Amino acid sequence: MAKKVKARLSTVYEVKGDKLERKRQTCPKCGKGVFLAQHKDRAYCGKCGYTEFKK
């Protein structure tokens, strides 16, 4: 079984003043807190399988 790699917080969030800003797109099915993985030709949710293809 493959070892799961956790994303670093610095790659997912950016601090602007007093607020945190999300850098990555969130999954519309799973809601906030579940980010889409960015691939060359698509964005993919590893939790539910939602996929958006890039043009």
Protein backbone atom coordinates (compact mmCIF):
# COMPACT_ATOMS: atom_id res chain seq x y z
CA MET A 1 0.00 0.00 0.00
CA ALA A 2 1.31 3.45 -0.91
CA LYS A 3 2.27 5.86 1.84
CA LYS A 4 0.01 8.93 2.04
CA VAL A 5 1.83 12.25 1.68
CA LYS A 6 0.39 15.22 3.55
CA ALA A 7 0.44 18.66 1.93
CA ARG A 8 2.43 21.39 3.66
CA LEU A 9 0.30 24.23 4.97
CA SER A 10 2.47 26.75 3.13
CA THR A 11 1.43 25.21 -0.21
CA VAL A 12 -2.29 25.26 0.61
CA TYR A 13 -2.78 28.55 2.51
CA GLU A 14 -1.30 32.05 2.26
CA VAL A 15 -1.33 34.62 5.06
CA LYS A 16 -2.48 38.10 4.02
CA GLY A 17 -2.66 40.48 6.95
CA ASP A 18 -4.93 38.90 9.58
CA LYS A 19 -6.58 36.41 7.23
CA LEU A 20 -5.73 33.07 5.64
CA GLU A 21 -6.32 32.79 1.91
CA ARG A 22 -6.74 29.42 0.19
CA LYS A 23 -4.38 28.90 -2.75
CA ARG A 24 -5.97 25.75 -4.12
CA GLN A 25 -9.46 25.10 -5.43
CA THR A 26 -11.87 23.31 -3.08
CA CYS A 27 -14.11 20.40 -4.03
CA PRO A 28 -17.70 21.51 -4.74
CA LYS A 29 -19.10 18.13 -3.61
CA CYS A 30 -17.09 17.65 -0.39
CA GLY A 31 -17.09 21.31 0.68
CA LYS A 32 -14.50 23.49 2.36
CA GLY A 33 -11.36 21.82 3.66
CA VAL A 34 -11.07 19.27 0.83
CA PHE A 35 -8.78 20.54 -1.91
CA LEU A 36 -8.50 19.42 -5.52
CA ALA A 37 -5.17 17.98 -6.64
CA GLN A 38 -3.73 19.90 -9.59
CA HIS A 39 -2.58 17.70 -12.47
CA LYS A 40 -1.35 18.67 -15.93
CA ASP A 41 -4.72 18.21 -17.63
CA ARG A 42 -7.23 18.06 -14.75
CA ALA A 43 -8.14 18.92 -11.14
CA TYR A 44 -9.09 15.85 -9.06
CA CYS A 45 -10.63 15.21 -5.63
CA GLY A 46 -9.08 12.18 -3.97
CA LYS A 47 -11.95 11.80 -1.53
CA CYS A 48 -15.01 11.58 -3.81
CA GLY A 49 -13.45 11.30 -7.29
CA TYR A 50 -14.77 14.61 -8.64
CA THR A 51 -12.78 15.67 -11.74
CA GLU A 52 -12.59 18.93 -13.69
CA PHE A 53 -10.74 18.77 -16.99
CA LYS A 54 -8.68 21.76 -18.13
CA LYS A 55 -9.12 23.09 -21.66
